[in-house]
Amino acid sequence: MALPGQLQYFPLRHLIGAGLGILLLIILVLLPDSGESTKQQTFVIDLPEVSEPDTPPPVPEPDWEETTVKSGDSLSVLFSRENLSAVDVIDIAAAVPRDVINLKVGQTVRWVRTADNRISQLEIILSPLARHSLEREDDGTLSYELVERTADYIPRFASATIDNSLYYDGSQAGVPDQILYQLAAIFGWDIDFALDIRKGDSFSLIFEEVQLDGEQIGYGDILIAQFNNRDRELTAVRYVDSDGQANYFTPEGTSMRKAFLRNPIDYFRISSRFNPNRKHPILNTIRAHRGTDYAAPTGTPIKAAGDGKVTFASRNGGYGNVVVIQHGQRYQTKYAHMSKFGRGVRVGRYVKQGQIIGYVGTTGASTGPHLHYEFLVDGVHRDSLRVRLPKAESIKSSEKAAFMKESNKLTSWLKDFSVSSSTDGSFQ
């Protein structure tokens, strides 16, 4: 194809070169200066937080309320006082064993209520280790569970020398009151703690401290105890037999327990002893005093001295309210001047040693609150503080090997603890 005008006289390669030069010039003109800084702008955009679709909303903590059971309280009385629905009392009674709603004075009851004063959760605290628990289900019914926890039982050592009394000097040495009461009960068949204790007597023992989550919540049983009384050394070892029965024995297996308690009350002062020639304080005549009088505050519990059958429980002239217990063929005990009888104590009923059969009073011919206690052997009155008491059964032959193993272990423990204590002076 021929080029127009005078362009047809230029060689073709000259025209192409000229065109390329012009194109390069245009590019250089349009290209931005490399020294010119580039301006940048930053924009912050706030976006709404997006929650995880699978994360449930937090559940609010239950709003617990609580109260302490008072004398005369039943569940319905407690609910009425706390403005809780009476309908729930019926629902609770239907959901739990019968004894659960038999409230005891001093128990703690706690609950979570709904807006219309219905129960959504309820707990009856039995101890730090057990509680009755109820919870409202989605269908409106109440589910029940007995919640129990397991405590730790830590052995502790204690010892004391008596200058004043068992309870005073034991407490001064840091021995818990509960353990001192156990100690007196264990040796109560052999030692009269009102008459036999002398200055310089001593004791040592290992007992259980009960812990929950590392915190002390109470005390368990004495595992072994040794009492030095007026040149007598008495040792008692606790043993649980194959039937789950726990008792105390000498290290050789002889029962510490006698068929009878030496004293039928725990806190007392002997105001009058067995005396066939005593002058009666009211009649002012010589009249045999065929028992032991224990002065104690009105209402002090009186315990059955031994297992037996109640043959009399009523008022009897100058003796006031009296209970008589027959113990087998040979033994009989009498308890007079009671303020009232123990629950369920009736003629023909059987009672166990240590069971409360009445309370100290001053009924009948009495100058003040006390227990008049008589002990009869084959129908003859005997001095209850001096009579030789029959022993209870000792270790069975089938249990002897297991007992001796436990006895030797505990005896070794007590010896080791005693040596450690005398060396470094530590209590535990």
Protein backbone atom coordinates (compact mmCIF):
# COMPACT_ATOMS: atom_id res chain seq x y z
CA MET A 1 0.00 0.00 0.00
CA ALA A 2 1.43 3.44 -1.00
CA LEU A 3 1.98 6.03 1.82
CA PRO A 4 0.10 9.34 1.52
CA GLY A 5 1.78 12.60 0.61
CA GLN A 6 5.46 13.23 1.12
CA LEU A 7 5.77 10.28 3.57
CA GLN A 8 6.14 8.03 0.54
CA TYR A 9 9.61 9.50 -0.04
CA PHE A 10 10.97 8.35 3.47
CA PRO A 11 12.33 4.87 3.91
CA LEU A 12 10.02 2.59 5.90
CA ARG A 13 12.49 1.75 8.66
CA HIS A 14 13.03 5.48 9.27
CA LEU A 15 9.32 5.90 9.80
CA ILE A 16 9.19 2.99 12.26
CA GLY A 17 12.14 4.33 14.24
CA ALA A 18 10.56 7.76 14.45
CA GLY A 19 7.34 6.26 15.72
CA LEU A 20 9.12 4.35 18.47
CA GLY A 21 10.97 7.47 19.57
CA ILE A 22 7.75 9.45 19.85
CA LEU A 23 6.16 6.62 21.94
CA LEU A 24 9.14 6.54 24.30
CA LEU A 25 8.94 10.31 24.78
CA ILE A 26 5.27 10.11 25.73
CA ILE A 27 6.03 7.40 28.33
CA LEU A 28 8.79 9.49 29.93
CA VAL A 29 6.52 12.51 30.16
CA LEU A 30 3.68 10.59 31.82
CA LEU A 31 5.85 8.57 34.28
CA PRO A 32 5.58 10.08 37.91
CA ASP A 33 8.69 11.43 39.66
CA SER A 34 10.35 8.72 41.76
CA GLY A 35 11.31 11.28 44.47
CA GLU A 36 7.70 12.21 45.17
CA SER A 37 6.50 10.45 48.38
CA THR A 38 3.37 8.42 48.30
CA LYS A 39 0.70 9.59 50.71
CA GLN A 40 -1.04 6.84 52.80
CA GLN A 41 -4.18 7.09 54.90
CA THR A 42 -5.25 4.61 57.61
CA PHE A 43 -8.90 4.11 58.48
CA VAL A 44 -10.01 2.32 61.77
CA ILE A 45 -13.33 0.56 61.53
CA ASP A 46 -15.01 -0.62 64.72
CA LEU A 47 -16.82 -3.88 64.17
CA PRO A 48 -19.33 -5.35 66.67
CA GLU A 49 -18.06 -8.35 68.68
CA VAL A 50 -19.38 -11.62 67.42
CA SER A 51 -20.07 -14.19 70.20
CA GLU A 52 -19.27 -17.80 69.63
CA PRO A 53 -22.48 -19.49 68.59
CA ASP A 54 -21.70 -22.62 70.66
CA THR A 55 -20.88 -20.81 74.00
CA PRO A 56 -23.91 -20.79 76.36
CA PRO A 57 -24.59 -17.68 78.45
CA PRO A 58 -23.16 -17.79 82.03
CA VAL A 59 -25.45 -19.39 84.63
CA PRO A 60 -26.05 -17.12 87.66
CA GLU A 61 -25.00 -18.44 91.08
CA PRO A 62 -27.93 -19.75 93.16
CA ASP A 63 -29.14 -17.36 95.85
CA TRP A 64 -29.03 -19.63 98.94
CA GLU A 65 -30.94 -18.83 102.12
CA GLU A 66 -30.64 -20.74 105.39
CA THR A 67 -31.99 -21.08 108.92
CA THR A 68 -31.35 -23.14 112.04
CA VAL A 69 -33.95 -25.62 113.28
CA LYS A 70 -35.48 -24.49 116.57
CA SER A 71 -37.27 -26.42 119.29
CA GLY A 72 -40.74 -27.41 118.08
CA ASP A 73 -39.90 -26.94 114.41
CA SER A 74 -41.26 -29.26 111.76
CA LEU A 75 -40.74 -28.78 108.05
CA SER A 76 -44.17 -27.19 107.69
CA VAL A 77 -43.55 -24.81 110.63
CA LEU A 78 -40.16 -23.83 109.18
CA PHE A 79 -41.63 -23.25 105.70
CA SER A 80 -44.41 -21.11 107.13
CA ARG A 81 -41.93 -18.99 109.07
CA GLU A 82 -39.74 -18.49 105.99
CA ASN A 83 -42.71 -17.76 103.66
CA LEU A 84 -42.10 -20.85 101.52
CA SER A 85 -44.85 -22.71 99.70
CA ALA A 86 -46.75 -25.21 101.84
CA VAL A 87 -47.34 -27.29 98.70
CA ASP A 88 -43.63 -28.09 98.62
CA VAL A 89 -43.81 -29.72 102.06
CA ILE A 90 -46.08 -32.38 100.57
CA ASP A 91 -43.82 -32.80 97.54
CA ILE A 92 -40.74 -33.16 99.74
CA ALA A 93 -42.40 -35.70 102.03
CA ALA A 94 -43.30 -37.79 98.97
CA ALA A 95 -39.76 -37.63 97.53
CA VAL A 96 -37.63 -38.57 100.57
CA PRO A 97 -37.37 -41.40 103.14
CA ARG A 98 -39.55 -40.74 106.17
CA ASP A 99 -36.75 -39.98 108.63
CA VAL A 100 -35.33 -37.20 106.41
CA ILE A 101 -38.02 -34.70 107.43
CA ASN A 102 -37.67 -35.49 111.16
CA LEU A 103 -35.74 -32.30 111.86
CA LYS A 104 -33.44 -32.01 114.88
CA VAL A 105 -32.78 -28.88 116.89
CA GLY A 106 -29.61 -27.16 115.71
CA GLN A 107 -29.64 -28.56 112.17
CA THR A 108 -29.04 -26.14 109.31
CA VAL A 109 -31.61 -26.07 106.49
CA ARG A 110 -30.77 -24.13 103.31
CA TRP A 111 -32.73 -23.56 100.12
CA VAL A 112 -33.04 -21.66 96.84
CA ARG A 113 -36.50 -20.23 96.16
CA THR A 114 -38.22 -19.24 92.93
CA ALA A 115 -40.08 -15.97 92.33
CA ASP A 116 -43.32 -17.58 93.54
CA ASN A 117 -41.64 -18.94 96.77
CA ARG A 118 -41.38 -22.50 95.54
CA ILE A 119 -38.31 -24.61 96.28
CA SER A 120 -35.84 -25.17 93.44
CA GLN A 121 -33.13 -26.63 95.71
CA LEU A 122 -33.14 -27.74 99.36
CA GLU A 123 -30.45 -29.10 101.67
CA ILE A 124 -30.69 -30.42 105.24
CA ILE A 125 -27.20 -30.47 106.73
CA LEU A 126 -26.51 -33.51 108.90
CA SER A 127 -22.80 -32.91 109.47
CA PRO A 128 -19.80 -31.58 107.56
CA LEU A 129 -19.71 -35.00 105.87
CA ALA A 130 -23.38 -35.62 105.02
CA ARG A 131 -26.46 -33.76 103.85
CA HIS A 132 -29.90 -34.48 102.38
CA SER A 133 -30.19 -32.78 98.97
CA LEU A 134 -33.29 -32.14 96.82
CA GLU A 135 -33.44 -30.46 93.42
CA ARG A 136 -36.37 -29.51 91.18
CA GLU A 137 -36.25 -31.28 87.80
CA ASP A 138 -37.45 -29.86 84.47
CA ASP A 139 -40.72 -31.76 84.78
CA GLY A 140 -41.41 -30.16 88.18
CA THR A 141 -40.68 -33.21 90.34
CA LEU A 142 -38.13 -33.24 93.16
CA SER A 143 -35.13 -35.58 93.02
CA TYR A 144 -33.49 -36.68 96.30
CA GLU A 145 -29.92 -37.70 97.13
CA LEU A 146 -28.00 -38.37 100.34
CA VAL A 147 -24.69 -36.64 99.68
CA GLU A 148 -21.78 -38.03 101.70
CA ARG A 149 -18.11 -37.11 101.77
CA THR A 150 -15.14 -39.04 103.10
CA ALA A 151 -12.99 -37.47 105.79
CA ASP A 152 -9.38 -38.14 106.72
CA TYR A 153 -8.61 -39.54 110.18
CA ILE A 154 -5.21 -38.38 111.43
CA PRO A 155 -3.69 -40.00 114.58
CA ARG A 156 -2.68 -37.50 117.27
CA PHE A 157 -0.80 -38.05 120.53
CA ALA A 158 -1.64 -36.41 123.86
CA SER A 159 -0.49 -36.77 127.46
CA ALA A 160 -0.93 -34.99 130.79
CA THR A 161 -0.06 -35.24 134.46
CA ILE A 162 -2.91 -34.57 136.90
CA ASP A 163 -2.44 -31.93 139.59
CA ASN A 164 -6.07 -30.83 139.99
CA SER A 165 -8.52 -32.95 138.00
CA LEU A 166 -8.69 -34.99 134.81
CA TYR A 167 -10.70 -32.37 132.94
CA TYR A 168 -8.78 -29.30 134.12
CA ASP A 169 -5.29 -30.66 133.59
CA GLY A 170 -6.26 -32.45 130.38
CA SER A 171 -7.66 -29.22 128.94
CA GLN A 172 -4.56 -27.31 130.05
CA ALA A 173 -2.45 -29.85 128.12
CA GLY A 174 -4.51 -29.17 124.98
CA VAL A 175 -6.55 -32.37 125.01
CA PRO A 176 -10.01 -31.77 123.43
CA ASP A 177 -12.96 -32.07 125.84
CA GLN A 178 -14.59 -34.72 123.65
CA ILE A 179 -11.50 -36.92 124.00
CA LEU A 180 -11.39 -36.42 127.79
CA TYR A 181 -15.02 -37.57 128.05
CA GLN A 182 -14.14 -40.69 126.04
CA LEU A 183 -11.14 -41.35 128.27
CA ALA A 184 -13.29 -41.19 131.42
CA ALA A 185 -15.85 -43.55 129.86
CA ILE A 186 -13.19 -46.09 128.81
CA PHE A 187 -11.62 -46.33 132.28
CA GLY A 188 -14.85 -45.62 134.17
CA TRP A 189 -15.27 -49.28 135.10
CA ASP A 190 -11.87 -49.39 136.86
CA ILE A 191 -11.33 -45.83 138.06
CA ASP A 192 -13.78 -43.74 140.08
CA PHE A 193 -12.84 -40.29 138.80
CA ALA A 194 -14.55 -38.66 141.81
CA LEU A 195 -12.68 -40.72 144.43
CA ASP A 196 -9.67 -42.54 142.99
CA ILE A 197 -7.75 -39.74 141.24
CA ARG A 198 -4.58 -38.59 143.00
CA LYS A 199 -2.11 -35.80 142.31
CA GLY A 200 0.63 -37.15 140.08
CA ASP A 201 -1.62 -39.57 138.17
CA SER A 202 -0.98 -39.37 134.42
CA PHE A 203 -2.29 -40.53 131.08
CA SER A 204 -1.18 -40.77 127.47
CA LEU A 205 -3.24 -41.65 124.42
CA ILE A 206 -3.57 -41.64 120.64
CA PHE A 207 -6.82 -40.29 119.21
CA GLU A 208 -8.19 -39.48 115.77
CA GLU A 209 -8.43 -35.95 114.43
CA VAL A 210 -11.03 -35.69 111.65
CA GLN A 211 -10.06 -33.52 108.69
CA LEU A 212 -11.92 -32.49 105.53
CA ASP A 213 -10.01 -30.80 102.72
CA GLY A 214 -7.09 -30.35 105.08
CA GLU A 215 -9.20 -28.56 107.74
CA GLN A 216 -9.93 -30.01 111.18
CA ILE A 217 -13.69 -30.55 111.58
CA GLY A 218 -13.87 -32.74 114.69
CA TYR A 219 -12.47 -35.69 116.56
CA GLY A 220 -12.92 -39.43 116.19
CA ASP A 221 -12.17 -42.23 118.63
CA ILE A 222 -9.38 -42.94 121.07
CA LEU A 223 -7.30 -45.71 119.50
CA ILE A 224 -5.22 -46.57 122.56
CA ALA A 225 -4.93 -45.04 126.03
CA GLN A 226 -2.78 -45.65 129.08
CA PHE A 227 -3.69 -44.39 132.57
CA ASN A 228 -1.36 -44.45 135.58
CA ASN A 229 -3.53 -44.27 138.70
CA ARG A 230 -2.19 -44.78 142.23
CA ASP A 231 0.60 -47.11 141.10
CA ARG A 232 -1.74 -48.96 138.72
CA GLU A 233 -1.03 -48.91 134.98
CA LEU A 234 -4.16 -49.50 132.91
CA THR A 235 -4.09 -49.75 129.11
CA ALA A 236 -7.08 -49.88 126.75
CA VAL A 237 -6.93 -50.77 123.05
CA ARG A 238 -9.78 -50.10 120.61
CA TYR A 239 -10.66 -53.02 118.35
CA VAL A 240 -13.36 -53.39 115.68
CA ASP A 241 -14.37 -57.02 115.20
CA SER A 242 -15.49 -58.79 112.02
CA ASP A 243 -19.12 -57.79 112.74
CA GLY A 244 -18.17 -54.11 112.86
CA GLN A 245 -18.58 -53.85 116.66
CA ALA A 246 -16.02 -51.63 118.40
CA ASN A 247 -14.97 -52.10 122.02
CA TYR A 248 -11.99 -51.54 124.27
CA PHE A 249 -9.79 -54.30 125.65
CA THR A 250 -6.57 -54.74 127.57
CA PRO A 251 -3.56 -55.42 125.32
CA GLU A 252 -4.07 -59.13 126.08
CA GLY A 253 -7.73 -59.14 124.99
CA THR A 254 -9.64 -58.84 128.28
CA SER A 255 -12.65 -56.54 128.01
CA MET A 256 -12.33 -53.13 129.65
CA ARG A 257 -16.09 -53.01 129.78
CA LYS A 258 -17.87 -54.41 132.79
CA ALA A 259 -21.42 -55.64 132.86
CA PHE A 260 -22.24 -52.44 134.82
CA LEU A 261 -21.21 -48.80 134.81
CA ARG A 262 -19.61 -47.75 138.09
CA ASN A 263 -21.48 -44.42 138.05
CA PRO A 264 -24.82 -43.88 136.23
CA ILE A 265 -24.27 -40.14 135.62
CA ASP A 266 -21.28 -38.25 134.23
CA TYR A 267 -21.21 -34.93 136.10
CA PHE A 268 -21.78 -35.14 139.81
CA ARG A 269 -20.66 -34.75 143.41
CA ILE A 270 -21.22 -37.62 145.82
CA SER A 271 -23.33 -36.09 148.57
CA SER A 272 -24.01 -39.26 150.57
CA ARG A 273 -22.44 -42.71 150.52
CA PHE A 274 -23.71 -46.19 151.30
CA ASN A 275 -24.06 -46.24 155.10
CA PRO A 276 -26.21 -48.60 157.18
CA ASN A 277 -26.05 -46.19 160.17
CA ARG A 278 -26.69 -42.84 158.53
CA LYS A 279 -28.83 -40.19 160.20
CA HIS A 280 -31.69 -39.32 157.81
CA PRO A 281 -31.51 -35.61 156.82
CA ILE A 282 -35.29 -35.13 156.89
CA LEU A 283 -36.58 -37.67 159.44
CA ASN A 284 -33.66 -36.93 161.81
CA THR A 285 -33.45 -40.57 162.84
CA ILE A 286 -30.85 -43.31 162.34
CA ARG A 287 -31.89 -44.99 159.14
CA ALA A 288 -29.78 -47.11 156.81
CA HIS A 289 -28.77 -45.41 153.61
CA ARG A 290 -28.67 -48.31 151.21
CA GLY A 291 -27.45 -46.46 148.16
CA THR A 292 -25.23 -43.66 146.83
CA ASP A 293 -26.46 -40.10 146.36
CA TYR A 294 -25.09 -38.13 143.39
CA ALA A 295 -25.72 -34.38 143.64
CA ALA A 296 -26.16 -32.88 140.18
CA PRO A 297 -28.20 -30.13 138.49
CA THR A 298 -31.83 -30.86 137.69
CA GLY A 299 -32.10 -32.35 134.22
CA THR A 300 -28.71 -34.11 134.24
CA PRO A 301 -29.12 -37.35 132.20
CA ILE A 302 -29.19 -40.64 134.12
CA LYS A 303 -27.90 -43.75 132.31
CA ALA A 304 -28.80 -47.41 132.74
CA ALA A 305 -25.88 -49.03 134.56
CA GLY A 306 -26.24 -52.18 132.48
CA ASP A 307 -28.38 -54.05 129.98
CA GLY A 308 -31.67 -55.19 131.47
CA LYS A 309 -35.44 -55.10 131.70
CA VAL A 310 -37.44 -52.27 133.29
CA THR A 311 -39.57 -53.76 136.10
CA PHE A 312 -40.77 -50.48 137.65
CA ALA A 313 -41.14 -46.95 136.29
CA SER A 314 -43.48 -44.79 138.34
CA ARG A 315 -43.78 -42.68 141.49
CA ASN A 316 -42.97 -44.46 144.76
CA GLY A 317 -43.61 -42.42 147.91
CA GLY A 318 -40.54 -40.73 149.37
CA TYR A 319 -38.38 -42.02 146.50
CA GLY A 320 -40.30 -39.85 144.05
CA ASN A 321 -40.04 -40.94 140.42
CA VAL A 322 -38.25 -44.30 140.39
CA VAL A 323 -36.94 -46.69 137.74
CA VAL A 324 -35.95 -50.27 138.64
CA ILE A 325 -34.01 -52.44 136.19
CA GLN A 326 -33.49 -56.20 136.48
CA HIS A 327 -30.16 -57.41 135.03
CA GLY A 328 -30.44 -61.15 134.51
CA GLN A 329 -31.08 -63.33 137.56
CA ARG A 330 -28.74 -61.86 140.16
CA TYR A 331 -28.49 -58.08 139.73
CA GLN A 332 -30.91 -55.18 140.14
CA THR A 333 -30.44 -51.39 140.07
CA LYS A 334 -32.72 -48.60 141.34
CA TYR A 335 -32.76 -44.90 140.38
CA ALA A 336 -34.81 -42.46 142.53
CA HIS A 337 -35.90 -38.78 142.80
CA MET A 338 -35.97 -38.33 139.00
CA SER A 339 -37.46 -35.15 137.57
CA LYS A 340 -38.81 -37.15 134.62
CA PHE A 341 -38.39 -40.48 132.86
CA GLY A 342 -36.43 -41.09 129.69
CA ARG A 343 -38.23 -41.47 126.38
CA GLY A 344 -39.70 -44.93 125.93
CA VAL A 345 -38.83 -46.12 129.46
CA ARG A 346 -41.78 -48.31 130.42
CA VAL A 347 -42.32 -51.45 132.44
CA GLY A 348 -41.43 -54.48 130.32
CA ARG A 349 -39.09 -52.55 127.99
CA TYR A 350 -35.46 -53.60 127.60
CA VAL A 351 -32.73 -50.99 127.91
CA LYS A 352 -29.05 -50.99 126.96
CA GLN A 353 -26.10 -49.98 129.10
CA GLY A 354 -25.61 -46.22 128.83
CA GLN A 355 -29.15 -45.54 127.57
CA ILE A 356 -30.76 -42.47 129.16
CA ILE A 357 -33.56 -43.69 131.46
CA GLY A 358 -34.36 -40.43 133.23
CA TYR A 359 -33.13 -37.07 134.50
CA VAL A 360 -31.94 -35.83 137.89
CA GLY A 361 -34.59 -34.16 140.00
CA THR A 362 -35.80 -33.67 143.55
CA THR A 363 -39.14 -35.52 143.59
CA GLY A 364 -40.24 -37.29 146.78
CA ALA A 365 -38.49 -36.79 150.14
CA SER A 366 -35.48 -34.87 148.88
CA THR A 367 -33.53 -31.85 150.13
CA GLY A 368 -32.18 -30.94 146.67
CA PRO A 369 -31.65 -32.26 143.16
CA HIS A 370 -29.76 -35.56 143.22
CA LEU A 371 -29.88 -39.18 142.09
CA HIS A 372 -30.30 -41.89 144.74
CA TYR A 373 -28.77 -45.04 143.24
CA GLU A 374 -29.03 -48.56 144.68
CA PHE A 375 -27.23 -51.74 143.60
CA LEU A 376 -28.55 -55.15 144.67
CA VAL A 377 -26.92 -58.58 144.32
CA ASP A 378 -29.19 -61.56 144.93
CA GLY A 379 -31.67 -59.17 146.59
CA VAL A 380 -29.09 -57.74 149.03
CA HIS A 381 -28.07 -54.07 148.91
CA ARG A 382 -24.38 -53.55 148.18
CA ASP A 383 -22.15 -50.47 148.08
CA SER A 384 -22.19 -49.56 144.39
CA LEU A 385 -18.81 -47.80 144.70
CA ARG A 386 -17.05 -50.83 146.19
CA VAL A 387 -18.83 -53.93 144.87
CA ARG A 388 -16.78 -56.08 142.47
CA LEU A 389 -18.42 -55.68 139.08
CA PRO A 390 -18.68 -58.64 136.69
CA LYS A 391 -16.79 -58.24 133.42
CA ALA A 392 -18.30 -58.31 129.96
CA GLU A 393 -17.15 -60.83 127.36
CA SER A 394 -13.55 -60.71 126.17
CA ILE A 395 -12.14 -61.24 122.68
CA LYS A 396 -13.54 -64.30 120.91
CA SER A 397 -11.04 -66.99 120.01
CA SER A 398 -11.86 -66.51 116.32
CA GLU A 399 -10.82 -62.83 116.61
CA LYS A 400 -7.75 -63.31 118.81
CA ALA A 401 -5.07 -63.37 116.07
CA ALA A 402 -6.42 -60.23 114.35
CA PHE A 403 -6.80 -58.49 117.70
CA MET A 404 -3.23 -59.24 118.81
CA LYS A 405 -1.88 -57.84 115.54
CA GLU A 406 -3.83 -54.59 116.07
CA SER A 407 -2.95 -54.46 119.76
CA ASN A 408 0.80 -54.84 119.13
CA LYS A 409 0.69 -52.15 116.43
CA LEU A 410 -1.10 -49.61 118.63
CA THR A 411 1.04 -50.38 121.67
CA SER A 412 4.14 -49.76 119.56
CA TRP A 413 2.64 -46.50 118.27
CA LEU A 414 1.96 -45.25 121.79
CA LYS A 415 5.50 -46.07 122.90
CA ASP A 416 7.02 -44.33 119.87
CA PHE A 417 4.84 -41.25 120.30
CA SER A 418 5.70 -41.06 124.00
CA VAL A 419 9.44 -41.20 123.30
CA SER A 420 9.12 -38.58 120.53
CA SER A 421 7.08 -36.28 122.77
CA SER A 422 9.52 -36.49 125.69
CA THR A 423 12.42 -35.78 123.31
CA ASP A 424 11.16 -32.75 121.39
CA GLY A 425 8.20 -31.68 123.54
CA SER A 426 5.78 -31.73 120.64
CA PHE A 427 2.09 -32.41 121.23
CA GLN A 428 1.34 -34.24 117.97
